[in-house]
Amino acid sequence: MLELNPERLGHAVHAVDDPAVLDLLVERQIAIECCPTSNFFTGSIPDFASHPLPRFLERGLCATLNTDDPTLFGNLTLEEEYRRARDLIGLDAGQLAQVQNNSRKAAFLNLDTPTTDSR
């Protein structure tokens, strides 16, 4: 049997349909790359208010906010995606801060290594 060990999953909007999947994502600390505008335009969600991002956060998942194919979806910027998450999905300031913190965790960065100033 092939066993995959992903560290991140793109989209995964239907993970919310299965509590066991959500439990596994939390247990393995697998990040979810949420792209609400893409999910809406591809028909994965019927409207922004239906996006599972708030439920992912409530469940303790490492959910992030991302753009997906900005050219196809009207050159959407990450700032616009955050605005839609606030205005259309209904995330509050605390949830948006959590998404930002999750993004740092999921970015494959070594946050323990100090950066050097090249000036």
PDB file of N, CA and C in Angstrom:
ATOM      1  N   MET A   1       0.839  -1.183   0.000  1.00  0.00           N
ATOM      2  CA  MET A   1       0.000   0.000   0.000  1.00  0.00           C
ATOM      3  C   MET A   1       0.882   1.242   0.000  1.00  0.00           C
ATOM      4  N   LEU A   2       0.545   2.173  -0.843  1.00  0.00           N
ATOM      5  CA  LEU A   2       1.268   3.433  -0.932  1.00  0.00           C
ATOM      6  C   LEU A   2       0.761   4.375   0.152  1.00  0.00           C
ATOM      7  N   GLU A   3       1.665   4.914   0.942  1.00  0.00           N
ATOM      8  CA  GLU A   3       1.264   5.874   1.964  1.00  0.00           C
ATOM      9  C   GLU A   3       1.885   7.218   1.633  1.00  0.00           C
ATOM     10  N   LEU A   4       1.035   8.202   1.506  1.00  0.00           N
ATOM     11  CA  LEU A   4       1.487   9.559   1.245  1.00  0.00           C
ATOM     12  C   LEU A   4       1.499  10.330   2.552  1.00  0.00           C
ATOM     13  N   ASN A   5       2.430  11.227   2.683  1.00  0.00           N
ATOM     14  CA  ASN A   5       2.523  12.057   3.883  1.00  0.00           C
ATOM     15  C   ASN A   5       2.605  13.525   3.498  1.00  0.00           C
ATOM     16  N   PRO A   6       1.506  14.076   2.991  1.00  0.00           N
ATOM     17  CA  PRO A   6       1.552  15.483   2.574  1.00  0.00           C
ATOM     18  C   PRO A   6       1.700  16.406   3.773  1.00  0.00           C
ATOM     19  N   GLU A   7       2.321  17.544   3.516  1.00  0.00           N
ATOM     20  CA  GLU A   7       2.413  18.579   4.532  1.00  0.00           C
ATOM     21  C   GLU A   7       1.390  19.678   4.289  1.00  0.00           C
ATOM     22  N   ARG A   8       0.948  19.787   3.023  1.00  0.00           N
ATOM     23  CA  ARG A   8      -0.083  20.760   2.654  1.00  0.00           C
ATOM     24  C   ARG A   8      -0.990  20.137   1.608  1.00  0.00           C
ATOM     25  N   LEU A   9      -2.246  20.594   1.609  1.00  0.00           N
ATOM     26  CA  LEU A   9      -3.199  20.196   0.578  1.00  0.00           C
ATOM     27  C   LEU A   9      -3.787  21.454  -0.035  1.00  0.00           C
ATOM     28  N   GLY A  10      -3.874  21.491  -1.346  1.00  0.00           N
ATOM     29  CA  GLY A  10      -4.496  22.614  -2.029  1.00  0.00           C
ATOM     30  C   GLY A  10      -6.006  22.444  -2.061  1.00  0.00           C
ATOM     31  N   HIS A  11      -6.701  23.512  -1.745  1.00  0.00           N
ATOM     32  CA  HIS A  11      -8.165  23.602  -1.796  1.00  0.00           C
ATOM     33  C   HIS A  11      -8.807  22.740  -0.697  1.00  0.00           C
ATOM     34  N   ALA A  12      -9.054  21.478  -0.944  1.00  0.00           N
ATOM     35  CA  ALA A  12      -9.607  20.531   0.039  1.00  0.00           C
ATOM     36  C   ALA A  12     -10.923  21.008   0.653  1.00  0.00           C
ATOM     37  N   VAL A  13     -11.733  21.737  -0.113  1.00  0.00           N
ATOM     38  CA  VAL A  13     -12.972  22.291   0.436  1.00  0.00           C
ATOM     39  C   VAL A  13     -13.924  21.210   0.930  1.00  0.00           C
ATOM     40  N   HIS A  14     -13.883  20.039   0.345  1.00  0.00           N
ATOM     41  CA  HIS A  14     -14.821  18.995   0.749  1.00  0.00           C
ATOM     42  C   HIS A  14     -14.308  18.143   1.903  1.00  0.00           C
ATOM     43  N   ALA A  15     -13.140  18.476   2.424  1.00  0.00           N
ATOM     44  CA  ALA A  15     -12.672  17.803   3.638  1.00  0.00           C
ATOM     45  C   ALA A  15     -13.649  18.067   4.778  1.00  0.00           C
ATOM     46  N   VAL A  16     -14.316  19.194   4.729  1.00  0.00           N
ATOM     47  CA  VAL A  16     -15.271  19.569   5.778  1.00  0.00           C
ATOM     48  C   VAL A  16     -16.466  18.613   5.815  1.00  0.00           C
ATOM     49  N   ASP A  17     -16.679  17.852   4.753  1.00  0.00           N
ATOM     50  CA  ASP A  17     -17.811  16.932   4.688  1.00  0.00           C
ATOM     51  C   ASP A  17     -17.607  15.678   5.538  1.00  0.00           C
ATOM     52  N   ASP A  18     -16.385  15.428   5.985  1.00  0.00           N
ATOM     53  CA  ASP A  18     -16.084  14.194   6.714  1.00  0.00           C
ATOM     54  C   ASP A  18     -15.299  14.504   7.989  1.00  0.00           C
ATOM     55  N   PRO A  19     -15.934  14.398   9.143  1.00  0.00           N
ATOM     56  CA  PRO A  19     -15.243  14.690  10.401  1.00  0.00           C
ATOM     57  C   PRO A  19     -13.970  13.862  10.602  1.00  0.00           C
ATOM     58  N   ALA A  20     -13.949  12.640  10.110  1.00  0.00           N
ATOM     59  CA  ALA A  20     -12.748  11.804  10.254  1.00  0.00           C
ATOM     60  C   ALA A  20     -11.582  12.380   9.460  1.00  0.00           C
ATOM     61  N   VAL A  21     -11.875  12.947   8.298  1.00  0.00           N
ATOM     62  CA  VAL A  21     -10.830  13.589   7.501  1.00  0.00           C
ATOM     63  C   VAL A  21     -10.302  14.813   8.235  1.00  0.00           C
ATOM     64  N   LEU A  22     -11.202  15.604   8.798  1.00  0.00           N
ATOM     65  CA  LEU A  22     -10.780  16.781   9.554  1.00  0.00           C
ATOM     66  C   LEU A  22      -9.913  16.378  10.748  1.00  0.00           C
ATOM     67  N   ASP A  23     -10.313  15.328  11.445  1.00  0.00           N
ATOM     68  CA  ASP A  23      -9.512  14.841  12.577  1.00  0.00           C
ATOM     69  C   ASP A  23      -8.115  14.447  12.124  1.00  0.00           C
ATOM     70  N   LEU A  24      -8.029  13.758  10.983  1.00  0.00           N
ATOM     71  CA  LEU A  24      -6.735  13.333  10.458  1.00  0.00           C
ATOM     72  C   LEU A  24      -5.870  14.534  10.083  1.00  0.00           C
ATOM     73  N   LEU A  25      -6.476  15.545   9.472  1.00  0.00           N
ATOM     74  CA  LEU A  25      -5.737  16.745   9.092  1.00  0.00           C
ATOM     75  C   LEU A  25      -5.189  17.464  10.322  1.00  0.00           C
ATOM     76  N   VAL A  26      -5.988  17.525  11.373  1.00  0.00           N
ATOM     77  CA  VAL A  26      -5.528  18.158  12.613  1.00  0.00           C
ATOM     78  C   VAL A  26      -4.425  17.308  13.242  1.00  0.00           C
ATOM     79  N   GLU A  27      -4.664  16.015  13.340  1.00  0.00           N
ATOM     80  CA  GLU A  27      -3.694  15.107  13.968  1.00  0.00           C
ATOM     81  C   GLU A  27      -2.334  15.158  13.281  1.00  0.00           C
ATOM     82  N   ARG A  28      -2.344  15.154  11.956  1.00  0.00           N
ATOM     83  CA  ARG A  28      -1.083  15.158  11.198  1.00  0.00           C
ATOM     84  C   ARG A  28      -0.572  16.563  10.916  1.00  0.00           C
ATOM     85  N   GLN A  29      -1.311  17.567  11.349  1.00  0.00           N
ATOM     86  CA  GLN A  29      -0.939  18.964  11.150  1.00  0.00           C
ATOM     87  C   GLN A  29      -0.690  19.272   9.668  1.00  0.00           C
ATOM     88  N   ILE A  30      -1.597  18.815   8.836  1.00  0.00           N
ATOM     89  CA  ILE A  30      -1.518  19.065   7.399  1.00  0.00           C
ATOM     90  C   ILE A  30      -2.222  20.390   7.105  1.00  0.00           C
ATOM     91  N   ALA A  31      -1.507  21.295   6.488  1.00  0.00           N
ATOM     92  CA  ALA A  31      -2.059  22.614   6.164  1.00  0.00           C
ATOM     93  C   ALA A  31      -2.998  22.523   4.960  1.00  0.00           C
ATOM     94  N   ILE A  32      -4.016  23.375   4.981  1.00  0.00           N
ATOM     95  CA  ILE A  32      -4.958  23.489   3.866  1.00  0.00           C
ATOM     96  C   ILE A  32      -4.755  24.851   3.215  1.00  0.00           C
ATOM     97  N   GLU A  33      -4.436  24.850   1.939  1.00  0.00           N
ATOM     98  CA  GLU A  33      -4.272  26.086   1.182  1.00  0.00           C
ATOM     99  C   GLU A  33      -5.641  26.477   0.623  1.00  0.00           C
ATOM    100  N   CYS A  34      -6.298  27.432   1.257  1.00  0.00           N
ATOM    101  CA  CYS A  34      -7.632  27.856   0.830  1.00  0.00           C
ATOM    102  C   CYS A  34      -7.535  28.957  -0.223  1.00  0.00           C
ATOM    103  N   CYS A  35      -8.279  28.784  -1.294  1.00  0.00           N
ATOM    104  CA  CYS A  35      -8.326  29.749  -2.394  1.00  0.00           C
ATOM    105  C   CYS A  35      -9.797  30.045  -2.697  1.00  0.00           C
ATOM    106  N   PRO A  36     -10.456  30.837  -1.849  1.00  0.00           N
ATOM    107  CA  PRO A  36     -11.906  31.026  -1.986  1.00  0.00           C
ATOM    108  C   PRO A  36     -12.372  31.533  -3.349  1.00  0.00           C
ATOM    109  N   THR A  37     -11.669  32.479  -3.945  1.00  0.00           N
ATOM    110  CA  THR A  37     -12.123  33.003  -5.241  1.00  0.00           C
ATOM    111  C   THR A  37     -12.081  31.909  -6.296  1.00  0.00           C
ATOM    112  N   SER A  38     -11.012  31.150  -6.324  1.00  0.00           N
ATOM    113  CA  SER A  38     -10.910  30.030  -7.247  1.00  0.00           C
ATOM    114  C   SER A  38     -12.013  29.017  -6.977  1.00  0.00           C
ATOM    115  N   ASN A  39     -12.239  28.720  -5.705  1.00  0.00           N
ATOM    116  CA  ASN A  39     -13.274  27.745  -5.345  1.00  0.00           C
ATOM    117  C   ASN A  39     -14.649  28.194  -5.808  1.00  0.00           C
ATOM    118  N   PHE A  40     -14.907  29.490  -5.729  1.00  0.00           N
ATOM    119  CA  PHE A  40     -16.190  30.016  -6.193  1.00  0.00           C
ATOM    120  C   PHE A  40     -16.304  29.930  -7.716  1.00  0.00           C
ATOM    121  N   PHE A  41     -15.282  30.409  -8.422  1.00  0.00           N
ATOM    122  CA  PHE A  41     -15.361  30.437  -9.887  1.00  0.00           C
ATOM    123  C   PHE A  41     -15.318  29.052 -10.520  1.00  0.00           C
ATOM    124  N   THR A  42     -14.779  28.076  -9.840  1.00  0.00           N
ATOM    125  CA  THR A  42     -14.765  26.707 -10.373  1.00  0.00           C
ATOM    126  C   THR A  42     -15.992  25.915  -9.939  1.00  0.00           C
ATOM    127  N   GLY A  43     -16.846  26.519  -9.116  1.00  0.00           N
ATOM    128  CA  GLY A  43     -18.067  25.853  -8.690  1.00  0.00           C
ATOM    129  C   GLY A  43     -17.896  24.913  -7.504  1.00  0.00           C
ATOM    130  N   SER A  44     -16.751  24.941  -6.861  1.00  0.00           N
ATOM    131  CA  SER A  44     -16.534  24.072  -5.696  1.00  0.00           C
ATOM    132  C   SER A  44     -17.384  24.502  -4.506  1.00  0.00           C
ATOM    133  N   ILE A  45     -17.705  25.802  -4.456  1.00  0.00           N
ATOM    134  CA  ILE A  45     -18.613  26.334  -3.434  1.00  0.00           C
ATOM    135  C   ILE A  45     -19.666  27.171  -4.156  1.00  0.00           C
ATOM    136  N   PRO A  46     -20.898  27.199  -3.649  1.00  0.00           N
ATOM    137  CA  PRO A  46     -21.949  27.962  -4.340  1.00  0.00           C
ATOM    138  C   PRO A  46     -21.833  29.468  -4.154  1.00  0.00           C
ATOM    139  N   ASP A  47     -21.252  29.888  -3.025  1.00  0.00           N
ATOM    140  CA  ASP A  47     -21.064  31.305  -2.750  1.00  0.00           C
ATOM    141  C   ASP A  47     -19.964  31.434  -1.701  1.00  0.00           C
ATOM    142  N   PHE A  48     -19.439  32.638  -1.536  1.00  0.00           N
ATOM    143  CA  PHE A  48     -18.329  32.840  -0.606  1.00  0.00           C
ATOM    144  C   PHE A  48     -18.728  32.508   0.833  1.00  0.00           C
ATOM    145  N   ALA A  49     -19.957  32.826   1.204  1.00  0.00           N
ATOM    146  CA  ALA A  49     -20.413  32.567   2.572  1.00  0.00           C
ATOM    147  C   ALA A  49     -20.397  31.079   2.911  1.00  0.00           C
ATOM    148  N   SER A  50     -20.396  30.226   1.906  1.00  0.00           N
ATOM    149  CA  SER A  50     -20.380  28.773   2.121  1.00  0.00           C
ATOM    150  C   SER A  50     -18.973  28.199   2.244  1.00  0.00           C
ATOM    151  N   HIS A  51     -17.963  29.025   2.068  1.00  0.00           N
ATOM    152  CA  HIS A  51     -16.598  28.502   2.111  1.00  0.00           C
ATOM    153  C   HIS A  51     -16.302  27.905   3.487  1.00  0.00           C
ATOM    154  N   PRO A  52     -15.628  26.752   3.542  1.00  0.00           N
ATOM    155  CA  PRO A  52     -15.374  26.094   4.829  1.00  0.00           C
ATOM    156  C   PRO A  52     -14.225  26.691   5.643  1.00  0.00           C
ATOM    157  N   LEU A  53     -13.591  27.742   5.189  1.00  0.00           N
ATOM    158  CA  LEU A  53     -12.459  28.311   5.913  1.00  0.00           C
ATOM    159  C   LEU A  53     -12.779  28.590   7.389  1.00  0.00           C
ATOM    160  N   PRO A  54     -13.909  29.215   7.725  1.00  0.00           N
ATOM    161  CA  PRO A  54     -14.182  29.431   9.148  1.00  0.00           C
ATOM    162  C   PRO A  54     -14.297  28.119   9.939  1.00  0.00           C
ATOM    163  N   ARG A  55     -14.894  27.101   9.324  1.00  0.00           N
ATOM    164  CA  ARG A  55     -15.027  25.806  10.002  1.00  0.00           C
ATOM    165  C   ARG A  55     -13.677  25.129  10.159  1.00  0.00           C
ATOM    166  N   PHE A  56     -12.789  25.295   9.163  1.00  0.00           N
ATOM    167  CA  PHE A  56     -11.431  24.759   9.295  1.00  0.00           C
ATOM    168  C   PHE A  56     -10.743  25.380  10.508  1.00  0.00           C
ATOM    169  N   LEU A  57     -10.860  26.701  10.627  1.00  0.00           N
ATOM    170  CA  LEU A  57     -10.204  27.402  11.733  1.00  0.00           C
ATOM    171  C   LEU A  57     -10.797  26.987  13.083  1.00  0.00           C
ATOM    172  N   GLU A  58     -12.119  26.884  13.142  1.00  0.00           N
ATOM    173  CA  GLU A  58     -12.778  26.467  14.383  1.00  0.00           C
ATOM    174  C   GLU A  58     -12.338  25.068  14.808  1.00  0.00           C
ATOM    175  N   ARG A  59     -12.068  24.227  13.841  1.00  0.00           N
ATOM    176  CA  ARG A  59     -11.667  22.838  14.106  1.00  0.00           C
ATOM    177  C   ARG A  59     -10.192  22.725  14.475  1.00  0.00           C
ATOM    178  N   GLY A  60      -9.449  23.816  14.290  1.00  0.00           N
ATOM    179  CA  GLY A  60      -8.032  23.809  14.644  1.00  0.00           C
ATOM    180  C   GLY A  60      -7.098  23.429  13.515  1.00  0.00           C
ATOM    181  N   LEU A  61      -7.595  23.449  12.292  1.00  0.00           N
ATOM    182  CA  LEU A  61      -6.735  23.149  11.147  1.00  0.00           C
ATOM    183  C   LEU A  61      -5.801  24.311  10.858  1.00  0.00           C
ATOM    184  N   CYS A  62      -4.684  23.994  10.265  1.00  0.00           N
ATOM    185  CA  CYS A  62      -3.726  25.006   9.819  1.00  0.00           C
ATOM    186  C   CYS A  62      -4.164  25.454   8.423  1.00  0.00           C
ATOM    187  N   ALA A  63      -5.198  26.280   8.372  1.00  0.00           N
ATOM    188  CA  ALA A  63      -5.745  26.760   7.102  1.00  0.00           C
ATOM    189  C   ALA A  63      -5.095  28.084   6.738  1.00  0.00           C
ATOM    190  N   THR A  64      -4.728  28.216   5.473  1.00  0.00           N
ATOM    191  CA  THR A  64      -4.095  29.427   4.972  1.00  0.00           C
ATOM    192  C   THR A  64      -4.978  30.038   3.884  1.00  0.00           C
ATOM    193  N   LEU A  65      -4.653  31.242   3.492  1.00  0.00           N
ATOM    194  CA  LEU A  65      -5.392  31.938   2.446  1.00  0.00           C
ATOM    195  C   LEU A  65      -4.433  32.235   1.303  1.00  0.00           C
ATOM    196  N   ASN A  66      -4.853  31.906   0.086  1.00  0.00           N
ATOM    197  CA  ASN A  66      -3.967  32.006  -1.077  1.00  0.00           C
ATOM    198  C   ASN A  66      -4.742  32.460  -2.304  1.00  0.00           C
ATOM    199  N   THR A  67      -4.000  32.924  -3.286  1.00  0.00           N
ATOM    200  CA  THR A  67      -4.588  33.168  -4.599  1.00  0.00           C
ATOM    201  C   THR A  67      -4.328  31.923  -5.433  1.00  0.00           C
ATOM    202  N   ASP A  68      -5.085  31.786  -6.493  1.00  0.00           N
ATOM    203  CA  ASP A  68      -4.910  30.633  -7.378  1.00  0.00           C
ATOM    204  C   ASP A  68      -5.122  31.113  -8.800  1.00  0.00           C
ATOM    205  N   ASP A  69      -4.083  31.049  -9.593  1.00  0.00           N
ATOM    206  CA  ASP A  69      -4.149  31.465 -10.985  1.00  0.00           C
ATOM    207  C   ASP A  69      -4.735  32.878 -11.121  1.00  0.00           C
ATOM    208  N   PRO A  70      -4.004  33.883 -10.581  1.00  0.00           N
ATOM    209  CA  PRO A  70      -4.514  35.262 -10.601  1.00  0.00           C
ATOM    210  C   PRO A  70      -4.891  35.763 -11.995  1.00  0.00           C
ATOM    211  N   THR A  71      -4.210  35.319 -13.025  1.00  0.00           N
ATOM    212  CA  THR A  71      -4.529  35.786 -14.374  1.00  0.00           C
ATOM    213  C   THR A  71      -5.906  35.305 -14.795  1.00  0.00           C
ATOM    214  N   LEU A  72      -6.214  34.053 -14.529  1.00  0.00           N
ATOM    215  CA  LEU A  72      -7.507  33.487 -14.905  1.00  0.00           C
ATOM    216  C   LEU A  72      -8.652  34.129 -14.131  1.00  0.00           C
ATOM    217  N   PHE A  73      -8.394  34.480 -12.867  1.00  0.00           N
ATOM    218  CA  PHE A  73      -9.451  35.008 -12.012  1.00  0.00           C
ATOM    219  C   PHE A  73      -9.375  36.522 -11.847  1.00  0.00           C
ATOM    220  N   GLY A  74      -8.893  37.230 -12.835  1.00  0.00           N
ATOM    221  CA  GLY A  74      -8.918  38.685 -12.835  1.00  0.00           C
ATOM    222  C   GLY A  74      -7.773  39.332 -12.091  1.00  0.00           C
ATOM    223  N   ASN A  75      -6.602  38.699 -12.118  1.00  0.00           N
ATOM    224  CA  ASN A  75      -5.397  39.247 -11.494  1.00  0.00           C
ATOM    225  C   ASN A  75      -5.610  39.548 -10.010  1.00  0.00           C
ATOM    226  N   LEU A  76      -6.305  38.659  -9.340  1.00  0.00           N
ATOM    227  CA  LEU A  76      -6.594  38.775  -7.918  1.00  0.00           C
ATOM    228  C   LEU A  76      -5.302  38.803  -7.104  1.00  0.00           C
ATOM    229  N   THR A  77      -5.232  39.722  -6.169  1.00  0.00           N
ATOM    230  CA  THR A  77      -4.068  39.795  -5.288  1.00  0.00           C
ATOM    231  C   THR A  77      -4.412  39.132  -3.952  1.00  0.00           C
ATOM    232  N   LEU A  78      -3.394  38.832  -3.173  1.00  0.00           N
ATOM    233  CA  LEU A  78      -3.617  38.254  -1.856  1.00  0.00           C
ATOM    234  C   LEU A  78      -4.384  39.230  -0.968  1.00  0.00           C
ATOM    235  N   GLU A  79      -4.102  40.518  -1.120  1.00  0.00           N
ATOM    236  CA  GLU A  79      -4.839  41.525  -0.362  1.00  0.00           C
ATOM    237  C   GLU A  79      -6.340  41.450  -0.660  1.00  0.00           C
ATOM    238  N   GLU A  80      -6.686  41.278  -1.945  1.00  0.00           N
ATOM    239  CA  GLU A  80      -8.096  41.159  -2.314  1.00  0.00           C
ATOM    240  C   GLU A  80      -8.704  39.880  -1.747  1.00  0.00           C
ATOM    241  N   GLU A  81      -7.927  38.816  -1.717  1.00  0.00           N
ATOM    242  CA  GLU A  81      -8.429  37.553  -1.165  1.00  0.00           C
ATOM    243  C   GLU A  81      -8.714  37.710   0.332  1.00  0.00           C
ATOM    244  N   TYR A  82      -7.837  38.411   1.049  1.00  0.00           N
ATOM    245  CA  TYR A  82      -8.081  38.678   2.469  1.00  0.00           C
ATOM    246  C   TYR A  82      -9.328  39.542   2.650  1.00  0.00           C
ATOM    247  N   ARG A  83      -9.504  40.529   1.780  1.00  0.00           N
ATOM    248  CA  ARG A  83     -10.685  41.390   1.864  1.00  0.00           C
ATOM    249  C   ARG A  83     -11.960  40.564   1.657  1.00  0.00           C
ATOM    250  N   ARG A  84     -11.933  39.655   0.699  1.00  0.00           N
ATOM    251  CA  ARG A  84     -13.105  38.803   0.470  1.00  0.00           C
ATOM    252  C   ARG A  84     -13.338  37.863   1.649  1.00  0.00           C
ATOM    253  N   ALA A  85     -12.251  37.381   2.241  1.00  0.00           N
ATOM    254  CA  ALA A  85     -12.391  36.513   3.417  1.00  0.00           C
ATOM    255  C   ALA A  85     -13.070  37.271   4.554  1.00  0.00           C
ATOM    256  N   ARG A  86     -12.744  38.541   4.689  1.00  0.00           N
ATOM    257  CA  ARG A  86     -13.363  39.366   5.733  1.00  0.00           C
ATOM    258  C   ARG A  86     -14.802  39.722   5.370  1.00  0.00           C
ATOM    259  N   ASP A  87     -14.991  40.273   4.182  1.00  0.00           N
ATOM    260  CA  ASP A  87     -16.284  40.843   3.805  1.00  0.00           C
ATOM    261  C   ASP A  87     -17.310  39.821   3.340  1.00  0.00           C
ATOM    262  N   LEU A  88     -16.870  38.764   2.658  1.00  0.00           N
ATOM    263  CA  LEU A  88     -17.811  37.811   2.073  1.00  0.00           C
ATOM    264  C   LEU A  88     -17.898  36.495   2.831  1.00  0.00           C
ATOM    265  N   ILE A  89     -16.785  36.076   3.428  1.00  0.00           N
ATOM    266  CA  ILE A  89     -16.791  34.826   4.198  1.00  0.00           C
ATOM    267  C   ILE A  89     -17.108  35.111   5.655  1.00  0.00           C
ATOM    268  N   GLY A  90     -16.734  36.301   6.117  1.00  0.00           N
ATOM    269  CA  GLY A  90     -17.083  36.711   7.470  1.00  0.00           C
ATOM    270  C   GLY A  90     -16.025  36.475   8.523  1.00  0.00           C
ATOM    271  N   LEU A  91     -14.759  36.340   8.110  1.00  0.00           N
ATOM    272  CA  LEU A  91     -13.703  36.168   9.102  1.00  0.00           C
ATOM    273  C   LEU A  91     -13.504  37.461   9.877  1.00  0.00           C
ATOM    274  N   ASP A  92     -13.287  37.328  11.189  1.00  0.00           N
ATOM    275  CA  ASP A  92     -13.015  38.510  12.001  1.00  0.00           C
ATOM    276  C   ASP A  92     -11.500  38.733  12.086  1.00  0.00           C
ATOM    277  N   ALA A  93     -11.104  39.793  12.774  1.00  0.00           N
ATOM    278  CA  ALA A  93      -9.681  40.153  12.848  1.00  0.00           C
ATOM    279  C   ALA A  93      -8.849  39.038  13.472  1.00  0.00           C
ATOM    280  N   GLY A  94      -9.378  38.388  14.483  1.00  0.00           N
ATOM    281  CA  GLY A  94      -8.648  37.293  15.117  1.00  0.00           C
ATOM    282  C   GLY A  94      -8.460  36.113  14.183  1.00  0.00           C
ATOM    283  N   GLN A  95      -9.476  35.789  13.420  1.00  0.00           N
ATOM    284  CA  GLN A  95      -9.373  34.681  12.462  1.00  0.00           C
ATOM    285  C   GLN A  95      -8.395  35.023  11.344  1.00  0.00           C
ATOM    286  N   LEU A  96      -8.427  36.267  10.877  1.00  0.00           N
ATOM    287  CA  LEU A  96      -7.482  36.677   9.833  1.00  0.00           C
ATOM    288  C   LEU A  96      -6.048  36.611  10.355  1.00  0.00           C
ATOM    289  N   ALA A  97      -5.837  36.996  11.603  1.00  0.00           N
ATOM    290  CA  ALA A  97      -4.502  36.891  12.201  1.00  0.00           C
ATOM    291  C   ALA A  97      -4.078  35.426  12.295  1.00  0.00           C
ATOM    292  N   GLN A  98      -5.024  34.542  12.639  1.00  0.00           N
ATOM    293  CA  GLN A  98      -4.705  33.115  12.710  1.00  0.00           C
ATOM    294  C   GLN A  98      -4.307  32.581  11.333  1.00  0.00           C
ATOM    295  N   VAL A  99      -5.013  33.018  10.308  1.00  0.00           N
ATOM    296  CA  VAL A  99      -4.675  32.601   8.936  1.00  0.00           C
ATOM    297  C   VAL A  99      -3.253  33.046   8.595  1.00  0.00           C
ATOM    298  N   GLN A 100      -2.892  34.270   8.973  1.00  0.00           N
ATOM    299  CA  GLN A 100      -1.530  34.753   8.709  1.00  0.00           C
ATOM    300  C   GLN A 100      -0.502  33.918   9.464  1.00  0.00           C
ATOM    301  N   ASN A 101      -0.776  33.613  10.723  1.00  0.00           N
ATOM    302  CA  ASN A 101       0.143  32.771  11.494  1.00  0.00           C
ATOM    303  C   ASN A 101       0.248  31.374  10.890  1.00  0.00           C
ATOM    304  N   ASN A 102      -0.878  30.833  10.458  1.00  0.00           N
ATOM    305  CA  ASN A 102      -0.868  29.526   9.811  1.00  0.00           C
ATOM    306  C   ASN A 102      -0.023  29.548   8.542  1.00  0.00           C
ATOM    307  N   SER A 103      -0.101  30.652   7.808  1.00  0.00           N
ATOM    308  CA  SER A 103       0.670  30.769   6.560  1.00  0.00           C
ATOM    309  C   SER A 103       2.167  30.705   6.832  1.00  0.00           C
ATOM    310  N   ARG A 104       2.598  31.340   7.897  1.00  0.00           N
ATOM    311  CA  ARG A 104       4.027  31.272   8.250  1.00  0.00           C
ATOM    312  C   ARG A 104       4.427  29.845   8.602  1.00  0.00           C
ATOM    313  N   LYS A 105       3.559  29.149   9.338  1.00  0.00           N
ATOM    314  CA  LYS A 105       3.855  27.767   9.720  1.00  0.00           C
ATOM    315  C   LYS A 105       3.924  26.851   8.503  1.00  0.00           C
ATOM    316  N   ALA A 106       3.077  27.095   7.522  1.00  0.00           N
ATOM    317  CA  ALA A 106       2.953  26.198   6.366  1.00  0.00           C
ATOM    318  C   ALA A 106       3.875  26.558   5.207  1.00  0.00           C
ATOM    319  N   ALA A 107       4.707  27.559   5.366  1.00  0.00           N
ATOM    320  CA  ALA A 107       5.494  28.084   4.242  1.00  0.00           C
ATOM    321  C   ALA A 107       6.806  27.358   3.990  1.00  0.00           C
ATOM    322  N   PHE A 108       7.073  26.273   4.696  1.00  0.00           N
ATOM    323  CA  PHE A 108       8.323  25.521   4.534  1.00  0.00           C
ATOM    324  C   PHE A 108       9.535  26.390   4.832  1.00  0.00           C
ATOM    325  N   LEU A 109       9.376  27.344   5.742  1.00  0.00           N
ATOM    326  CA  LEU A 109      10.481  28.206   6.148  1.00  0.00           C
ATOM    327  C   LEU A 109      11.088  27.666   7.430  1.00  0.00           C
ATOM    328  N   ASN A 110      12.372  27.850   7.593  1.00  0.00           N
ATOM    329  CA  ASN A 110      13.016  27.521   8.854  1.00  0.00           C
ATOM    330  C   ASN A 110      12.979  28.784   9.701  1.00  0.00           C
ATOM    331  N   LEU A 111      11.992  28.884  10.578  1.00  0.00           N
ATOM    332  CA  LEU A 111      11.804  30.098  11.367  1.00  0.00           C
ATOM    333  C   LEU A 111      12.781  30.183  12.529  1.00  0.00           C
ATOM    334  N   ASP A 112      13.543  29.107  12.773  1.00  0.00           N
ATOM    335  CA  ASP A 112      14.529  29.110  13.860  1.00  0.00           C
ATOM    336  C   ASP A 112      15.854  29.710  13.430  1.00  0.00           C
ATOM    337  N   THR A 113      16.079  29.809  12.132  1.00  0.00           N
ATOM    338  CA  THR A 113      17.341  30.333  11.628  1.00  0.00           C
ATOM    339  C   THR A 113      17.262  31.843  11.517  1.00  0.00           C
ATOM    340  N   PRO A 114      18.151  32.554  12.197  1.00  0.00           N
ATOM    341  CA  PRO A 114      18.125  34.020  12.094  1.00  0.00           C
ATOM    342  C   PRO A 114      18.500  34.479  10.692  1.00  0.00           C
ATOM    343  N   THR A 115      17.889  35.552  10.269  1.00  0.00           N
ATOM    344  CA  THR A 115      18.233  36.118   8.964  1.00  0.00           C
ATOM    345  C   THR A 115      19.413  37.059   9.147  1.00  0.00           C
ATOM    346  N   THR A 116      20.144  37.228   8.074  1.00  0.00           N
ATOM    347  CA  THR A 116      21.278  38.157   8.126  1.00  0.00           C
ATOM    348  C   THR A 116      20.949  39.384   7.301  1.00  0.00           C
ATOM    349  N   ASP A 117      21.409  40.489   7.766  1.00  0.00           N
ATOM    350  CA  ASP A 117      21.194  41.748   7.065  1.00  0.00           C
ATOM    351  C   ASP A 117      22.319  41.890   6.038  1.00  0.00           C
ATOM    352  N   SER A 118      21.957  41.965   4.768  1.00  0.00           N
ATOM    353  CA  SER A 118      22.985  42.017   3.709  1.00  0.00           C
ATOM    354  C   SER A 118      23.400  43.440   3.372  1.00  0.00           C
ATOM    355  N   ARG A 119      22.970  44.407   4.173  1.00  0.00           N
ATOM    356  CA  ARG A 119      23.349  45.793   3.861  1.00  0.00           C
ATOM    357  C   ARG A 119      24.765  46.051   4.151  1.00  0.00           C
TER     358      ARG A 119
END
